[in-house]
Amino acid sequence: MPTVIMENEGERKNNFVLYEVTLAKWEVREESFPVLEKLVLWKCHMLEEIQSSFGDICSLKIIKLVKSPQLEDSALEIKQYVDDITGEDSLQIFGWNNILLSKTGSSLLFAA
């Protein structure tokens, strides 16, 4: 059953979870999630990519992909964008079983 969850910490809505949502495209503006810290996409098999505008959300620290491997490339592109504009390694991309994903050259590396 498709589920959307906003997890709150006090007045802040800082975690957003999509579970088995059947969207193919999702358009998001930066101001939609001004304090988003963690984005979790779980079994979102129909979703083609994560919109690049997530890279403009300064508070975003984690993107977690659970059983949504088709989103790895767009998540890593967002990470590269954030790293380039901030000069820091501030955004982490996790795959299934909390495996940290990173891209070096053209290869995808998995680190525990």
PDB file of N, CA and C in Angstrom:
ATOM      1  N   MET A   1       0.837  -1.176   0.000  1.00  0.00           N
ATOM      2  CA  MET A   1       0.000   0.000   0.000  1.00  0.00           C
ATOM      3  C   MET A   1       0.889   1.249   0.000  1.00  0.00           C
ATOM      4  N   PRO A   2       0.705   2.166  -0.951  1.00  0.00           N
ATOM      5  CA  PRO A   2       1.515   3.385  -0.998  1.00  0.00           C
ATOM      6  C   PRO A   2       1.368   4.197   0.282  1.00  0.00           C
ATOM      7  N   THR A   3       2.499   4.701   0.773  1.00  0.00           N
ATOM      8  CA  THR A   3       2.509   5.458   2.016  1.00  0.00           C
ATOM      9  C   THR A   3       3.463   6.634   1.900  1.00  0.00           C
ATOM     10  N   VAL A   4       3.047   7.779   2.444  1.00  0.00           N
ATOM     11  CA  VAL A   4       3.903   8.952   2.553  1.00  0.00           C
ATOM     12  C   VAL A   4       3.942   9.326   4.024  1.00  0.00           C
ATOM     13  N   ILE A   5       5.149   9.474   4.583  1.00  0.00           N
ATOM     14  CA  ILE A   5       5.294   9.779   6.009  1.00  0.00           C
ATOM     15  C   ILE A   5       6.193  10.998   6.169  1.00  0.00           C
ATOM     16  N   MET A   6       5.728  11.962   6.928  1.00  0.00           N
ATOM     17  CA  MET A   6       6.577  13.079   7.363  1.00  0.00           C
ATOM     18  C   MET A   6       6.832  12.857   8.836  1.00  0.00           C
ATOM     19  N   GLU A   7       8.083  12.668   9.205  1.00  0.00           N
ATOM     20  CA  GLU A   7       8.425  12.474  10.610  1.00  0.00           C
ATOM     21  C   GLU A   7       8.848  13.806  11.187  1.00  0.00           C
ATOM     22  N   ASN A   8       8.297  14.145  12.320  1.00  0.00           N
ATOM     23  CA  ASN A   8       8.549  15.442  12.943  1.00  0.00           C
ATOM     24  C   ASN A   8       9.506  15.325  14.111  1.00  0.00           C
ATOM     25  N   GLU A   9      10.275  16.363  14.270  1.00  0.00           N
ATOM     26  CA  GLU A   9      11.083  16.528  15.471  1.00  0.00           C
ATOM     27  C   GLU A   9      10.704  17.894  16.007  1.00  0.00           C
ATOM     28  N   GLY A  10       9.854  17.919  17.012  1.00  0.00           N
ATOM     29  CA  GLY A  10       9.315  19.191  17.497  1.00  0.00           C
ATOM     30  C   GLY A  10       8.432  19.781  16.413  1.00  0.00           C
ATOM     31  N   GLU A  11       8.631  21.022  16.088  1.00  0.00           N
ATOM     32  CA  GLU A  11       7.861  21.692  15.045  1.00  0.00           C
ATOM     33  C   GLU A  11       8.435  21.452  13.650  1.00  0.00           C
ATOM     34  N   ARG A  12       9.636  20.866  13.589  1.00  0.00           N
ATOM     35  CA  ARG A  12      10.303  20.669  12.306  1.00  0.00           C
ATOM     36  C   ARG A  12       9.878  19.357  11.668  1.00  0.00           C
ATOM     37  N   LYS A  13       9.587  19.400  10.395  1.00  0.00           N
ATOM     38  CA  LYS A  13       9.324  18.195   9.627  1.00  0.00           C
ATOM     39  C   LYS A  13      10.618  17.911   8.874  1.00  0.00           C
ATOM     40  N   ASN A  14      11.444  16.994   9.430  1.00  0.00           N
ATOM     41  CA  ASN A  14      12.763  16.839   8.862  1.00  0.00           C
ATOM     42  C   ASN A  14      13.047  15.498   8.201  1.00  0.00           C
ATOM     43  N   ASN A  15      12.143  14.535   8.272  1.00  0.00           N
ATOM     44  CA  ASN A  15      12.309  13.258   7.592  1.00  0.00           C
ATOM     45  C   ASN A  15      11.094  13.011   6.708  1.00  0.00           C
ATOM     46  N   PHE A  16      11.356  12.602   5.461  1.00  0.00           N
ATOM     47  CA  PHE A  16      10.271  12.344   4.520  1.00  0.00           C
ATOM     48  C   PHE A  16      10.469  10.955   3.945  1.00  0.00           C
ATOM     49  N   VAL A  17       9.449  10.099   4.055  1.00  0.00           N
ATOM     50  CA  VAL A  17       9.524   8.718   3.599  1.00  0.00           C
ATOM     51  C   VAL A  17       8.438   8.463   2.571  1.00  0.00           C
ATOM     52  N   LEU A  18       8.828   7.937   1.409  1.00  0.00           N
ATOM     53  CA  LEU A  18       7.878   7.456   0.411  1.00  0.00           C
ATOM     54  C   LEU A  18       8.012   5.941   0.382  1.00  0.00           C
ATOM     55  N   TYR A  19       6.909   5.230   0.581  1.00  0.00           N
ATOM     56  CA  TYR A  19       6.927   3.776   0.619  1.00  0.00           C
ATOM     57  C   TYR A  19       5.973   3.230  -0.431  1.00  0.00           C
ATOM     58  N   GLU A  20       6.512   2.498  -1.402  1.00  0.00           N
ATOM     59  CA  GLU A  20       5.733   1.866  -2.474  1.00  0.00           C
ATOM     60  C   GLU A  20       4.837   2.847  -3.213  1.00  0.00           C
ATOM     61  N   VAL A  21       5.300   4.058  -3.389  1.00  0.00           N
ATOM     62  CA  VAL A  21       4.545   5.057  -4.136  1.00  0.00           C
ATOM     63  C   VAL A  21       4.754   4.780  -5.618  1.00  0.00           C
ATOM     64  N   THR A  22       3.693   4.868  -6.406  1.00  0.00           N
ATOM     65  CA  THR A  22       3.760   4.475  -7.812  1.00  0.00           C
ATOM     66  C   THR A  22       3.901   5.660  -8.767  1.00  0.00           C
ATOM     67  N   LEU A  23       4.515   6.724  -8.309  1.00  0.00           N
ATOM     68  CA  LEU A  23       4.783   7.868  -9.171  1.00  0.00           C
ATOM     69  C   LEU A  23       5.919   7.530 -10.123  1.00  0.00           C
ATOM     70  N   ALA A  24       5.826   8.004 -11.369  1.00  0.00           N
ATOM     71  CA  ALA A  24       6.940   7.867 -12.306  1.00  0.00           C
ATOM     72  C   ALA A  24       7.818   9.109 -12.245  1.00  0.00           C
ATOM     73  N   LYS A  25       7.191  10.264 -12.029  1.00  0.00           N
ATOM     74  CA  LYS A  25       7.914  11.530 -11.907  1.00  0.00           C
ATOM     75  C   LYS A  25       7.400  12.265 -10.683  1.00  0.00           C
ATOM     76  N   TRP A  26       8.306  13.019 -10.073  1.00  0.00           N
ATOM     77  CA  TRP A  26       7.958  13.745  -8.865  1.00  0.00           C
ATOM     78  C   TRP A  26       8.649  15.090  -8.954  1.00  0.00           C
ATOM     79  N   GLU A  27       7.872  16.152  -8.986  1.00  0.00           N
ATOM     80  CA  GLU A  27       8.432  17.494  -9.080  1.00  0.00           C
ATOM     81  C   GLU A  27       8.349  18.172  -7.721  1.00  0.00           C
ATOM     82  N   VAL A  28       9.503  18.652  -7.286  1.00  0.00           N
ATOM     83  CA  VAL A  28       9.627  19.242  -5.953  1.00  0.00           C
ATOM     84  C   VAL A  28      10.373  20.560  -6.071  1.00  0.00           C
ATOM     85  N   ARG A  29       9.903  21.541  -5.320  1.00  0.00           N
ATOM     86  CA  ARG A  29      10.627  22.815  -5.237  1.00  0.00           C
ATOM     87  C   ARG A  29      11.359  22.854  -3.901  1.00  0.00           C
ATOM     88  N   GLU A  30      12.475  23.526  -3.912  1.00  0.00           N
ATOM     89  CA  GLU A  30      13.319  23.633  -2.717  1.00  0.00           C
ATOM     90  C   GLU A  30      12.522  24.091  -1.497  1.00  0.00           C
ATOM     91  N   GLU A  31      11.631  25.053  -1.692  1.00  0.00           N
ATOM     92  CA  GLU A  31      10.872  25.594  -0.559  1.00  0.00           C
ATOM     93  C   GLU A  31       9.813  24.637  -0.028  1.00  0.00           C
ATOM     94  N   SER A  32       9.568  23.518  -0.721  1.00  0.00           N
ATOM     95  CA  SER A  32       8.607  22.527  -0.236  1.00  0.00           C
ATOM     96  C   SER A  32       9.107  21.817   1.021  1.00  0.00           C
ATOM     97  N   PHE A  33      10.421  21.702   1.159  1.00  0.00           N
ATOM     98  CA  PHE A  33      11.030  20.997   2.285  1.00  0.00           C
ATOM     99  C   PHE A  33      12.160  21.841   2.865  1.00  0.00           C
ATOM    100  N   PRO A  34      11.866  22.961   3.500  1.00  0.00           N
ATOM    101  CA  PRO A  34      12.926  23.876   3.932  1.00  0.00           C
ATOM    102  C   PRO A  34      13.863  23.315   4.999  1.00  0.00           C
ATOM    103  N   VAL A  35      13.442  22.325   5.770  1.00  0.00           N
ATOM    104  CA  VAL A  35      14.295  21.766   6.826  1.00  0.00           C
ATOM    105  C   VAL A  35      14.485  20.250   6.683  1.00  0.00           C
ATOM    106  N   LEU A  36      14.265  19.735   5.494  1.00  0.00           N
ATOM    107  CA  LEU A  36      14.399  18.299   5.262  1.00  0.00           C
ATOM    108  C   LEU A  36      15.835  17.846   5.514  1.00  0.00           C
ATOM    109  N   GLU A  37      15.982  16.828   6.347  1.00  0.00           N
ATOM    110  CA  GLU A  37      17.302  16.281   6.646  1.00  0.00           C
ATOM    111  C   GLU A  37      17.494  14.891   6.063  1.00  0.00           C
ATOM    112  N   LYS A  38      16.403  14.115   5.962  1.00  0.00           N
ATOM    113  CA  LYS A  38      16.516  12.734   5.492  1.00  0.00           C
ATOM    114  C   LYS A  38      15.367  12.406   4.551  1.00  0.00           C
ATOM    115  N   LEU A  39      15.722  11.927   3.365  1.00  0.00           N
ATOM    116  CA  LEU A  39      14.748  11.487   2.368  1.00  0.00           C
ATOM    117  C   LEU A  39      14.899   9.983   2.200  1.00  0.00           C
ATOM    118  N   VAL A  40      13.816   9.239   2.423  1.00  0.00           N
ATOM    119  CA  VAL A  40      13.844   7.785   2.296  1.00  0.00           C
ATOM    120  C   VAL A  40      12.868   7.383   1.201  1.00  0.00           C
ATOM    121  N   LEU A  41      13.375   6.659   0.214  1.00  0.00           N
ATOM    122  CA  LEU A  41      12.549   6.159  -0.882  1.00  0.00           C
ATOM    123  C   LEU A  41      12.599   4.639  -0.825  1.00  0.00           C
ATOM    124  N   TRP A  42      11.468   4.041  -0.468  1.00  0.00           N
ATOM    125  CA  TRP A  42      11.397   2.611  -0.198  1.00  0.00           C
ATOM    126  C   TRP A  42      10.481   1.953  -1.220  1.00  0.00           C
ATOM    127  N   LYS A  43      11.027   1.055  -2.018  1.00  0.00           N
ATOM    128  CA  LYS A  43      10.270   0.311  -3.036  1.00  0.00           C
ATOM    129  C   LYS A  43       9.508   1.241  -3.982  1.00  0.00           C
ATOM    130  N   CYS A  44      10.141   2.297  -4.406  1.00  0.00           N
ATOM    131  CA  CYS A  44       9.530   3.229  -5.359  1.00  0.00           C
ATOM    132  C   CYS A  44       9.971   2.828  -6.766  1.00  0.00           C
ATOM    133  N   HIS A  45       9.522   1.650  -7.208  1.00  0.00           N
ATOM    134  CA  HIS A  45       9.981   1.048  -8.451  1.00  0.00           C
ATOM    135  C   HIS A  45       9.606   1.840  -9.693  1.00  0.00           C
ATOM    136  N   MET A  46       8.536   2.601  -9.657  1.00  0.00           N
ATOM    137  CA  MET A  46       8.081   3.344 -10.831  1.00  0.00           C
ATOM    138  C   MET A  46       8.788   4.692 -10.978  1.00  0.00           C
ATOM    139  N   LEU A  47       9.339   5.196  -9.897  1.00  0.00           N
ATOM    140  CA  LEU A  47       9.996   6.497  -9.928  1.00  0.00           C
ATOM    141  C   LEU A  47      11.267   6.412 -10.762  1.00  0.00           C
ATOM    142  N   GLU A  48      11.378   7.282 -11.771  1.00  0.00           N
ATOM    143  CA  GLU A  48      12.483   7.230 -12.717  1.00  0.00           C
ATOM    144  C   GLU A  48      13.752   7.885 -12.190  1.00  0.00           C
ATOM    145  N   GLU A  49      13.608   8.947 -11.402  1.00  0.00           N
ATOM    146  CA  GLU A  49      14.768   9.638 -10.863  1.00  0.00           C
ATOM    147  C   GLU A  49      14.357  10.518  -9.690  1.00  0.00           C
ATOM    148  N   ILE A  50      15.355  10.924  -8.924  1.00  0.00           N
ATOM    149  CA  ILE A  50      15.139  11.903  -7.868  1.00  0.00           C
ATOM    150  C   ILE A  50      15.421  13.260  -8.489  1.00  0.00           C
ATOM    151  N   GLN A  51      14.502  14.168  -8.342  1.00  0.00           N
ATOM    152  CA  GLN A  51      14.647  15.480  -8.960  1.00  0.00           C
ATOM    153  C   GLN A  51      15.875  16.202  -8.419  1.00  0.00           C
ATOM    154  N   SER A  52      16.615  16.811  -9.318  1.00  0.00           N
ATOM    155  CA  SER A  52      17.874  17.470  -8.956  1.00  0.00           C
ATOM    156  C   SER A  52      17.689  18.618  -7.969  1.00  0.00           C
ATOM    157  N   SER A  53      16.491  19.186  -7.877  1.00  0.00           N
ATOM    158  CA  SER A  53      16.266  20.302  -6.951  1.00  0.00           C
ATOM    159  C   SER A  53      16.474  19.906  -5.492  1.00  0.00           C
ATOM    160  N   PHE A  54      16.497  18.609  -5.183  1.00  0.00           N
ATOM    161  CA  PHE A  54      16.813  18.187  -3.819  1.00  0.00           C
ATOM    162  C   PHE A  54      18.216  18.629  -3.435  1.00  0.00           C
ATOM    163  N   GLY A  55      19.094  18.819  -4.405  1.00  0.00           N
ATOM    164  CA  GLY A  55      20.444  19.286  -4.140  1.00  0.00           C
ATOM    165  C   GLY A  55      20.497  20.708  -3.620  1.00  0.00           C
ATOM    166  N   ASP A  56      19.421  21.466  -3.808  1.00  0.00           N
ATOM    167  CA  ASP A  56      19.363  22.847  -3.336  1.00  0.00           C
ATOM    168  C   ASP A  56      18.801  22.975  -1.923  1.00  0.00           C
ATOM    169  N   ILE A  57      18.447  21.848  -1.323  1.00  0.00           N
ATOM    170  CA  ILE A  57      17.945  21.866   0.057  1.00  0.00           C
ATOM    171  C   ILE A  57      19.149  21.763   0.985  1.00  0.00           C
ATOM    172  N   CYS A  58      19.528  22.878   1.550  1.00  0.00           N
ATOM    173  CA  CYS A  58      20.760  22.964   2.351  1.00  0.00           C
ATOM    174  C   CYS A  58      20.763  22.036   3.560  1.00  0.00           C
ATOM    175  N   SER A  59      19.612  21.747   4.114  1.00  0.00           N
ATOM    176  CA  SER A  59      19.536  20.928   5.319  1.00  0.00           C
ATOM    177  C   SER A  59      19.606  19.428   5.037  1.00  0.00           C
ATOM    178  N   LEU A  60      19.474  19.009   3.776  1.00  0.00           N
ATOM    179  CA  LEU A  60      19.446  17.589   3.431  1.00  0.00           C
ATOM    180  C   LEU A  60      20.800  16.944   3.704  1.00  0.00           C
ATOM    181  N   LYS A  61      20.798  15.904   4.531  1.00  0.00           N
ATOM    182  CA  LYS A  61      22.025  15.215   4.926  1.00  0.00           C
ATOM    183  C   LYS A  61      22.069  13.766   4.441  1.00  0.00           C
ATOM    184  N   ILE A  62      20.888  13.147   4.262  1.00  0.00           N
ATOM    185  CA  ILE A  62      20.841  11.722   3.922  1.00  0.00           C
ATOM    186  C   ILE A  62      19.750  11.465   2.884  1.00  0.00           C
ATOM    187  N   ILE A  63      20.109  10.678   1.872  1.00  0.00           N
ATOM    188  CA  ILE A  63      19.120  10.085   0.975  1.00  0.00           C
ATOM    189  C   ILE A  63      19.300   8.583   1.125  1.00  0.00           C
ATOM    190  N   LYS A  64      18.229   7.894   1.475  1.00  0.00           N
ATOM    191  CA  LYS A  64      18.292   6.446   1.644  1.00  0.00           C
ATOM    192  C   LYS A  64      17.382   5.787   0.614  1.00  0.00           C
ATOM    193  N   LEU A  65      17.950   4.850  -0.124  1.00  0.00           N
ATOM    194  CA  LEU A  65      17.221   4.132  -1.161  1.00  0.00           C
ATOM    195  C   LEU A  65      17.076   2.677  -0.734  1.00  0.00           C
ATOM    196  N   VAL A  66      15.850   2.249  -0.526  1.00  0.00           N
ATOM    197  CA  VAL A  66      15.599   0.874  -0.120  1.00  0.00           C
ATOM    198  C   VAL A  66      14.809   0.192  -1.230  1.00  0.00           C
ATOM    199  N   LYS A  67      15.421  -0.796  -1.826  1.00  0.00           N
ATOM    200  CA  LYS A  67      14.810  -1.539  -2.935  1.00  0.00           C
ATOM    201  C   LYS A  67      14.342  -0.605  -4.051  1.00  0.00           C
ATOM    202  N   SER A  68      15.160   0.397  -4.339  1.00  0.00           N
ATOM    203  CA  SER A  68      14.908   1.352  -5.427  1.00  0.00           C
ATOM    204  C   SER A  68      16.228   1.624  -6.160  1.00  0.00           C
ATOM    205  N   PRO A  69      16.865   0.572  -6.694  1.00  0.00           N
ATOM    206  CA  PRO A  69      18.203   0.735  -7.272  1.00  0.00           C
ATOM    207  C   PRO A  69      18.250   1.652  -8.498  1.00  0.00           C
ATOM    208  N   GLN A  70      17.149   1.818  -9.179  1.00  0.00           N
ATOM    209  CA  GLN A  70      17.125   2.680 -10.366  1.00  0.00           C
ATOM    210  C   GLN A  70      17.340   4.148 -10.016  1.00  0.00           C
ATOM    211  N   LEU A  71      17.276   4.491  -8.733  1.00  0.00           N
ATOM    212  CA  LEU A  71      17.442   5.878  -8.296  1.00  0.00           C
ATOM    213  C   LEU A  71      18.871   6.202  -7.864  1.00  0.00           C
ATOM    214  N   GLU A  72      19.746   5.204  -7.876  1.00  0.00           N
ATOM    215  CA  GLU A  72      21.115   5.417  -7.399  1.00  0.00           C
ATOM    216  C   GLU A  72      21.852   6.480  -8.200  1.00  0.00           C
ATOM    217  N   ASP A  73      21.753   6.433  -9.522  1.00  0.00           N
ATOM    218  CA  ASP A  73      22.477   7.401 -10.350  1.00  0.00           C
ATOM    219  C   ASP A  73      22.042   8.832 -10.061  1.00  0.00           C
ATOM    220  N   SER A  74      20.731   9.068  -9.991  1.00  0.00           N
ATOM    221  CA  SER A  74      20.279  10.446  -9.742  1.00  0.00           C
ATOM    222  C   SER A  74      20.641  10.892  -8.328  1.00  0.00           C
ATOM    223  N   ALA A  75      20.613   9.978  -7.355  1.00  0.00           N
ATOM    224  CA  ALA A  75      21.005  10.330  -5.986  1.00  0.00           C
ATOM    225  C   ALA A  75      22.488  10.701  -5.945  1.00  0.00           C
ATOM    226  N   LEU A  76      23.312   9.949  -6.649  1.00  0.00           N
ATOM    227  CA  LEU A  76      24.746  10.236  -6.665  1.00  0.00           C
ATOM    228  C   LEU A  76      25.058  11.519  -7.433  1.00  0.00           C
ATOM    229  N   GLU A  77      24.260  11.845  -8.437  1.00  0.00           N
ATOM    230  CA  GLU A  77      24.425  13.123  -9.141  1.00  0.00           C
ATOM    231  C   GLU A  77      24.091  14.293  -8.211  1.00  0.00           C
ATOM    232  N   ILE A  78      23.048  14.131  -7.395  1.00  0.00           N
ATOM    233  CA  ILE A  78      22.693  15.158  -6.415  1.00  0.00           C
ATOM    234  C   ILE A  78      23.836  15.316  -5.414  1.00  0.00           C
ATOM    235  N   LYS A  79      24.386  14.194  -4.943  1.00  0.00           N
ATOM    236  CA  LYS A  79      25.510  14.251  -4.008  1.00  0.00           C
ATOM    237  C   LYS A  79      26.684  14.999  -4.628  1.00  0.00           C
ATOM    238  N   GLN A  80      27.025  14.704  -5.870  1.00  0.00           N
ATOM    239  CA  GLN A  80      28.148  15.363  -6.533  1.00  0.00           C
ATOM    240  C   GLN A  80      27.896  16.864  -6.634  1.00  0.00           C
ATOM    241  N   TYR A  81      26.675  17.244  -6.968  1.00  0.00           N
ATOM    242  CA  TYR A  81      26.299  18.664  -7.055  1.00  0.00           C
ATOM    243  C   TYR A  81      26.492  19.347  -5.700  1.00  0.00           C
ATOM    244  N   VAL A  82      25.991  18.712  -4.639  1.00  0.00           N
ATOM    245  CA  VAL A  82      26.107  19.285  -3.294  1.00  0.00           C
ATOM    246  C   VAL A  82      27.576  19.388  -2.891  1.00  0.00           C
ATOM    247  N   ASP A  83      28.351  18.341  -3.141  1.00  0.00           N
ATOM    248  CA  ASP A  83      29.782  18.361  -2.817  1.00  0.00           C
ATOM    249  C   ASP A  83      30.479  19.501  -3.555  1.00  0.00           C
ATOM    250  N   ASP A  84      30.137  19.687  -4.833  1.00  0.00           N
ATOM    251  CA  ASP A  84      30.770  20.728  -5.650  1.00  0.00           C
ATOM    252  C   ASP A  84      30.447  22.138  -5.157  1.00  0.00           C
ATOM    253  N   ILE A  85      29.182  22.373  -4.793  1.00  0.00           N
ATOM    254  CA  ILE A  85      28.820  23.741  -4.388  1.00  0.00           C
ATOM    255  C   ILE A  85      29.210  24.062  -2.952  1.00  0.00           C
ATOM    256  N   THR A  86      29.286  23.033  -2.092  1.00  0.00           N
ATOM    257  CA  THR A  86      29.632  23.291  -0.687  1.00  0.00           C
ATOM    258  C   THR A  86      31.108  23.077  -0.409  1.00  0.00           C
ATOM    259  N   GLY A  87      31.772  22.296  -1.251  1.00  0.00           N
ATOM    260  CA  GLY A  87      33.167  21.956  -0.989  1.00  0.00           C
ATOM    261  C   GLY A  87      33.318  20.961   0.143  1.00  0.00           C
ATOM    262  N   GLU A  88      32.218  20.326   0.531  1.00  0.00           N
ATOM    263  CA  GLU A  88      32.229  19.374   1.643  1.00  0.00           C
ATOM    264  C   GLU A  88      31.553  18.076   1.224  1.00  0.00           C
ATOM    265  N   ASP A  89      31.803  17.039   1.982  1.00  0.00           N
ATOM    266  CA  ASP A  89      31.147  15.747   1.788  1.00  0.00           C
ATOM    267  C   ASP A  89      29.990  15.667   2.789  1.00  0.00           C
ATOM    268  N   SER A  90      28.962  16.488   2.568  1.00  0.00           N
ATOM    269  CA  SER A  90      27.917  16.643   3.583  1.00  0.00           C
ATOM    270  C   SER A  90      26.665  15.803   3.334  1.00  0.00           C
ATOM    271  N   LEU A  91      26.487  15.296   2.112  1.00  0.00           N
ATOM    272  CA  LEU A  91      25.303  14.498   1.790  1.00  0.00           C
ATOM    273  C   LEU A  91      25.719  13.041   1.645  1.00  0.00           C
ATOM    274  N   GLN A  92      25.039  12.165   2.372  1.00  0.00           N
ATOM    275  CA  GLN A  92      25.337  10.739   2.308  1.00  0.00           C
ATOM    276  C   GLN A  92      24.197  10.028   1.595  1.00  0.00           C
ATOM    277  N   ILE A  93      24.568   9.071   0.737  1.00  0.00           N
ATOM    278  CA  ILE A  93      23.595   8.277   0.007  1.00  0.00           C
ATOM    279  C   ILE A  93      23.736   6.837   0.486  1.00  0.00           C
ATOM    280  N   PHE A  94      22.639   6.280   0.992  1.00  0.00           N
ATOM    281  CA  PHE A  94      22.636   4.908   1.483  1.00  0.00           C
ATOM    282  C   PHE A  94      21.726   4.054   0.619  1.00  0.00           C
ATOM    283  N   GLY A  95      22.169   2.835   0.367  1.00  0.00           N
ATOM    284  CA  GLY A  95      21.357   1.854  -0.326  1.00  0.00           C
ATOM    285  C   GLY A  95      20.771   0.868   0.670  1.00  0.00           C
ATOM    286  N   TRP A  96      20.358  -0.259   0.132  1.00  0.00           N
ATOM    287  CA  TRP A  96      19.767  -1.320   0.942  1.00  0.00           C
ATOM    288  C   TRP A  96      20.742  -1.752   2.035  1.00  0.00           C
ATOM    289  N   ASN A  97      20.253  -2.090   3.203  1.00  0.00           N
ATOM    290  CA  ASN A  97      21.051  -2.507   4.366  1.00  0.00           C
ATOM    291  C   ASN A  97      22.044  -1.440   4.819  1.00  0.00           C
ATOM    292  N   ASN A  98      21.690  -0.177   4.616  1.00  0.00           N
ATOM    293  CA  ASN A  98      22.531   0.949   5.038  1.00  0.00           C
ATOM    294  C   ASN A  98      23.936   0.916   4.440  1.00  0.00           C
ATOM    295  N   ILE A  99      24.049   0.434   3.217  1.00  0.00           N
ATOM    296  CA  ILE A  99      25.330   0.443   2.503  1.00  0.00           C
ATOM    297  C   ILE A  99      25.541   1.852   1.962  1.00  0.00           C
ATOM    298  N   LEU A 100      26.667   2.463   2.301  1.00  0.00           N
ATOM    299  CA  LEU A 100      26.988   3.805   1.832  1.00  0.00           C
ATOM    300  C   LEU A 100      27.405   3.720   0.373  1.00  0.00           C
ATOM    301  N   LEU A 101      26.746   4.487  -0.497  1.00  0.00           N
ATOM    302  CA  LEU A 101      27.056   4.482  -1.918  1.00  0.00           C
ATOM    303  C   LEU A 101      27.902   5.691  -2.252  1.00  0.00           C
ATOM    304  N   SER A 102      28.870   5.488  -3.129  1.00  0.00           N
ATOM    305  CA  SER A 102      29.657   6.609  -3.618  1.00  0.00           C
ATOM    306  C   SER A 102      30.079   6.314  -5.040  1.00  0.00           C
ATOM    307  N   LYS A 103      30.382   7.356  -5.766  1.00  0.00           N
ATOM    308  CA  LYS A 103      30.750   7.202  -7.168  1.00  0.00           C
ATOM    309  C   LYS A 103      32.161   7.751  -7.354  1.00  0.00           C
ATOM    310  N   THR A 104      33.018   6.929  -7.893  1.00  0.00           N
ATOM    311  CA  THR A 104      34.371   7.351  -8.203  1.00  0.00           C
ATOM    312  C   THR A 104      34.598   7.058  -9.674  1.00  0.00           C
ATOM    313  N   GLY A 105      34.794   8.105 -10.467  1.00  0.00           N
ATOM    314  CA  GLY A 105      34.908   7.908 -11.911  1.00  0.00           C
ATOM    315  C   GLY A 105      33.615   7.340 -12.429  1.00  0.00           C
ATOM    316  N   SER A 106      33.677   6.224 -13.143  1.00  0.00           N
ATOM    317  CA  SER A 106      32.465   5.634 -13.686  1.00  0.00           C
ATOM    318  C   SER A 106      32.012   4.417 -12.900  1.00  0.00           C
ATOM    319  N   SER A 107      32.712   4.092 -11.811  1.00  0.00           N
ATOM    320  CA  SER A 107      32.331   2.896 -11.061  1.00  0.00           C
ATOM    321  C   SER A 107      31.585   3.268  -9.794  1.00  0.00           C
ATOM    322  N   LEU A 108      30.702   2.388  -9.416  1.00  0.00           N
ATOM    323  CA  LEU A 108      29.925   2.568  -8.205  1.00  0.00           C
ATOM    324  C   LEU A 108      30.603   1.751  -7.110  1.00  0.00           C
ATOM    325  N   LEU A 109      30.975   2.394  -6.018  1.00  0.00           N
ATOM    326  CA  LEU A 109      31.643   1.708  -4.921  1.00  0.00           C
ATOM    327  C   LEU A 109      30.687   1.544  -3.756  1.00  0.00           C
ATOM    328  N   PHE A 110      30.784   0.421  -3.080  1.00  0.00           N
ATOM    329  CA  PHE A 110      29.965   0.171  -1.914  1.00  0.00           C
ATOM    330  C   PHE A 110      30.871   0.089  -0.703  1.00  0.00           C
ATOM    331  N   ALA A 111      30.560   0.885   0.309  1.00  0.00           N
ATOM    332  CA  ALA A 111      31.368   0.872   1.527  1.00  0.00           C
ATOM    333  C   ALA A 111      30.456   0.688   2.716  1.00  0.00           C
ATOM    334  N   ALA A 112      30.857  -0.095   3.659  1.00  0.00           N
ATOM    335  CA  ALA A 112      30.022  -0.345   4.843  1.00  0.00           C
ATOM    336  C   ALA A 112      30.153   0.770   5.824  1.00  0.00           C
TER     337      ALA A 112
END
